[in-house]
Amino acid sequence: MKRKQIKTKKEEIVNYWFFEQLIDECGLSVDASEAHERCWRCGCEKRLERCHIVPESLGGKDEPSNLVLLCHRCHIENPNITDPEIMWDWLRAYGVSFYDTFWSVLAAREYEFIYNKSFYEEIVDMGISVDEKLENFIKKTIKKLTKETSYHFGHPYLNPATHAGLYRMLVKRIAKEYGKEILSPDHNKRRKLWGF
């Protein structure tokens, strides 16, 4: 079955939410001045898609009050349910203060989930000072390590797990450079959080 084409224009959606309804921008990853060109979830400047708040398949209408603007990547992940408040909860839960940092923040959270501590906690635990020398080493090494990653088939971006792996490879290189040892993550702690 072919989907109906959305007729509501992107400008109508932005005008409705930011100039008619005066939605509170606090907690969103975008503000009114750039809501027509930046994803409302991640804040990245991308080609935007019109996304139903309540899906068409669940009775959602093609009108500005039922649409938001998301990049393709975020559109795939949005909640598909009949309660419109959930969309706004989801958008605000992921709000970032600075443009183009969303995916790095998600990768840092993924790293912490996998290794039970943040990237910088790993550095501090090894007794390494976060100074200009380390920052320069990180910048130089991250460029090299990026060449040791790839996009997952069909995706035009590095996912958070790949970014987290990149950070872990960086921690290993830092440890080697400074002659330090990395403590192994406590996976039993993670299993307890999952209840098994």
Protein backbone atom coordinates (compact mmCIF):
# COMPACT_ATOMS: atom_id res chain seq x y z
CA MET A 1 0.00 0.00 0.00
CA LYS A 2 1.43 3.34 -1.04
CA ARG A 3 1.65 6.02 1.64
CA LYS A 4 -0.06 9.31 1.06
CA GLN A 5 2.30 12.16 0.42
CA ILE A 6 2.40 14.74 3.22
CA LYS A 7 1.05 18.01 1.87
CA THR A 8 1.78 20.23 4.88
CA LYS A 9 4.82 22.39 4.13
CA LYS A 10 7.79 22.55 6.46
CA GLU A 11 7.32 26.32 6.87
CA GLU A 12 3.75 25.71 8.07
CA ILE A 13 5.03 23.32 10.73
CA VAL A 14 7.67 25.76 12.01
CA ASN A 15 5.20 28.65 11.99
CA TYR A 16 2.58 26.63 13.84
CA TRP A 17 4.84 25.46 16.68
CA PHE A 18 7.22 28.38 17.08
CA PHE A 19 5.12 31.40 16.13
CA GLU A 20 1.47 30.44 16.66
CA GLN A 21 1.64 28.00 19.58
CA LEU A 22 4.82 29.56 20.95
CA ILE A 23 6.14 26.21 22.10
CA ASP A 24 8.69 26.48 24.90
CA GLU A 25 12.08 26.04 23.26
CA CYS A 26 13.74 25.16 26.58
CA GLY A 27 15.04 21.63 26.46
CA LEU A 28 14.80 21.31 22.70
CA SER A 29 17.91 20.91 20.55
CA VAL A 30 16.74 23.68 18.22
CA ASP A 31 15.37 27.20 18.52
CA ALA A 32 12.85 29.02 16.36
CA SER A 33 15.42 30.81 14.24
CA GLU A 34 16.83 27.52 12.91
CA ALA A 35 13.87 25.14 13.28
CA HIS A 36 13.45 25.06 9.50
CA GLU A 37 16.99 23.74 8.90
CA ARG A 38 18.01 21.81 12.03
CA CYS A 39 16.57 18.56 13.37
CA TRP A 40 14.34 19.15 16.38
CA ARG A 41 15.84 16.16 18.19
CA CYS A 42 19.57 16.19 17.44
CA GLY A 43 20.02 19.83 16.36
CA CYS A 44 22.14 18.84 13.36
CA GLU A 45 21.81 20.80 10.15
CA LYS A 46 20.41 18.15 7.83
CA ARG A 47 17.72 17.63 5.21
CA LEU A 48 14.57 17.53 7.32
CA GLU A 49 11.62 15.18 7.01
CA ARG A 50 8.09 15.85 8.16
CA CYS A 51 7.39 13.40 10.97
CA HIS A 52 3.93 12.65 12.33
CA ILE A 53 3.51 13.05 16.08
CA VAL A 54 0.63 10.58 15.99
CA PRO A 55 1.37 8.25 13.06
CA GLU A 56 -0.95 8.29 10.08
CA SER A 57 -1.48 4.54 10.59
CA LEU A 58 -2.90 5.32 14.05
CA GLY A 59 -5.19 8.13 12.90
CA GLY A 60 -2.71 11.02 12.82
CA LYS A 61 -3.58 13.83 10.44
CA ASP A 62 -1.51 15.69 7.86
CA GLU A 63 -1.62 19.07 9.60
CA PRO A 64 0.96 21.29 11.32
CA SER A 65 -0.29 20.42 14.82
CA ASN A 66 0.60 16.76 14.20
CA LEU A 67 4.02 17.19 12.58
CA VAL A 68 7.58 17.97 13.65
CA LEU A 69 10.77 18.23 11.60
CA LEU A 70 13.43 15.55 12.04
CA CYS A 71 16.46 14.37 10.12
CA HIS A 72 16.13 10.90 8.59
CA ARG A 73 18.19 9.29 11.33
CA CYS A 74 15.99 10.67 14.13
CA HIS A 75 12.79 10.10 12.14
CA ILE A 76 13.53 6.36 12.13
CA GLU A 77 13.87 6.36 15.92
CA ASN A 78 10.86 8.49 16.90
CA PRO A 79 8.04 7.04 19.04
CA ASN A 80 5.04 5.75 17.06
CA ILE A 81 2.10 5.94 19.46
CA THR A 82 -1.21 7.78 19.84
CA ASP A 83 -0.29 9.99 22.82
CA PRO A 84 1.16 13.23 21.37
CA GLU A 85 2.84 14.22 24.64
CA ILE A 86 5.26 11.30 24.26
CA MET A 87 6.82 12.92 21.16
CA TRP A 88 7.55 16.11 23.10
CA ASP A 89 8.87 14.14 26.08
CA TRP A 90 11.17 12.26 23.69
CA LEU A 91 12.39 15.44 21.97
CA ARG A 92 13.11 17.18 25.28
CA ALA A 93 14.80 14.10 26.80
CA TYR A 94 17.45 14.31 24.09
CA GLY A 95 17.83 18.09 24.03
CA VAL A 96 21.40 19.35 23.84
CA SER A 97 22.61 22.87 24.56
CA PHE A 98 24.98 23.20 21.61
CA TYR A 99 24.37 22.39 17.98
CA ASP A 100 26.16 19.43 16.42
CA THR A 101 27.01 17.77 19.75
CA PHE A 102 24.06 15.38 20.03
CA TRP A 103 25.69 12.28 18.54
CA SER A 104 28.90 12.83 20.52
CA VAL A 105 26.86 13.05 23.72
CA LEU A 106 25.05 9.81 22.81
CA ALA A 107 28.39 8.13 22.10
CA ALA A 108 29.74 9.28 25.48
CA ARG A 109 26.66 7.80 27.19
CA GLU A 110 27.15 4.55 25.24
CA TYR A 111 30.79 4.43 26.35
CA GLU A 112 29.81 4.92 29.97
CA PHE A 113 27.12 2.23 29.68
CA ILE A 114 29.58 -0.30 28.23
CA TYR A 115 32.59 0.49 30.44
CA ASN A 116 30.86 1.71 33.64
CA LYS A 117 32.72 5.01 33.61
CA SER A 118 33.15 8.00 31.35
CA PHE A 119 36.01 8.48 28.92
CA TYR A 120 37.53 11.16 31.18
CA GLU A 121 37.08 9.03 34.33
CA GLU A 122 39.17 6.37 32.56
CA ILE A 123 41.93 8.95 31.98
CA VAL A 124 41.83 10.22 35.57
CA ASP A 125 41.78 6.64 36.96
CA MET A 126 45.03 5.99 35.10
CA GLY A 127 46.57 9.01 36.86
CA ILE A 128 46.94 11.07 33.68
CA SER A 129 46.46 14.82 33.82
CA VAL A 130 44.07 16.34 31.32
CA ASP A 131 46.38 19.03 29.98
CA GLU A 132 47.43 20.54 26.67
CA LYS A 133 49.81 17.67 25.92
CA LEU A 134 47.00 15.12 26.32
CA GLU A 135 44.55 17.24 24.32
CA ASN A 136 47.04 17.45 21.43
CA PHE A 137 47.63 13.70 21.59
CA ILE A 138 43.85 13.08 21.51
CA LYS A 139 43.35 15.35 18.47
CA LYS A 140 46.19 13.72 16.55
CA THR A 141 45.22 10.15 17.49
CA ILE A 142 41.47 10.50 16.92
CA LYS A 143 42.12 11.41 13.26
CA LYS A 144 44.15 8.23 12.80
CA LEU A 145 41.64 6.04 14.65
CA THR A 146 38.71 7.33 12.63
CA LYS A 147 40.26 5.54 9.66
CA GLU A 148 39.82 2.30 11.63
CA THR A 149 36.02 2.66 11.72
CA SER A 150 33.33 2.25 9.12
CA TYR A 151 29.66 2.87 8.60
CA HIS A 152 27.28 0.04 9.23
CA PHE A 153 25.82 -1.27 5.97
CA GLY A 154 23.09 1.04 4.72
CA HIS A 155 23.78 3.81 7.24
CA PRO A 156 25.59 6.98 6.20
CA TYR A 157 26.94 7.70 9.70
CA LEU A 158 28.82 6.15 12.59
CA ASN A 159 26.42 4.81 15.20
CA PRO A 160 26.90 5.48 18.96
CA ALA A 161 28.38 2.00 19.56
CA THR A 162 31.04 2.63 16.90
CA HIS A 163 31.83 6.04 18.42
CA ALA A 164 32.08 4.41 21.86
CA GLY A 165 34.46 1.82 20.40
CA LEU A 166 36.50 4.64 18.88
CA TYR A 167 36.76 6.25 22.34
CA ARG A 168 37.84 2.90 23.82
CA MET A 169 40.56 2.51 21.19
CA LEU A 170 41.65 6.05 22.07
CA VAL A 171 41.83 5.16 25.80
CA LYS A 172 44.03 2.17 24.89
CA ARG A 173 46.36 4.38 22.83
CA ILE A 174 46.57 6.93 25.64
CA ALA A 175 47.37 4.18 28.15
CA LYS A 176 50.13 2.86 25.88
CA GLU A 177 51.54 6.37 25.26
CA TYR A 178 51.67 7.11 29.00
CA GLY A 179 52.74 3.62 30.10
CA LYS A 180 49.55 3.05 32.09
CA GLU A 181 47.20 0.11 32.55
CA ILE A 182 43.44 0.19 31.93
CA LEU A 183 41.19 -1.53 34.42
CA SER A 184 38.79 -4.03 32.87
CA PRO A 185 35.12 -3.06 33.04
CA ASP A 186 32.95 -4.82 35.63
CA HIS A 187 30.36 -6.49 33.38
CA ASN A 188 28.75 -8.14 36.41
CA LYS A 189 27.73 -4.66 37.57
CA ARG A 190 26.03 -4.11 34.21
CA ARG A 191 24.24 -7.47 34.39
CA LYS A 192 22.81 -6.52 37.80
CA LEU A 193 21.39 -3.32 36.30
CA TRP A 194 19.65 -5.44 33.65
CA GLY A 195 18.33 -7.82 36.34
CA PHE A 196 20.28 -11.00 35.45
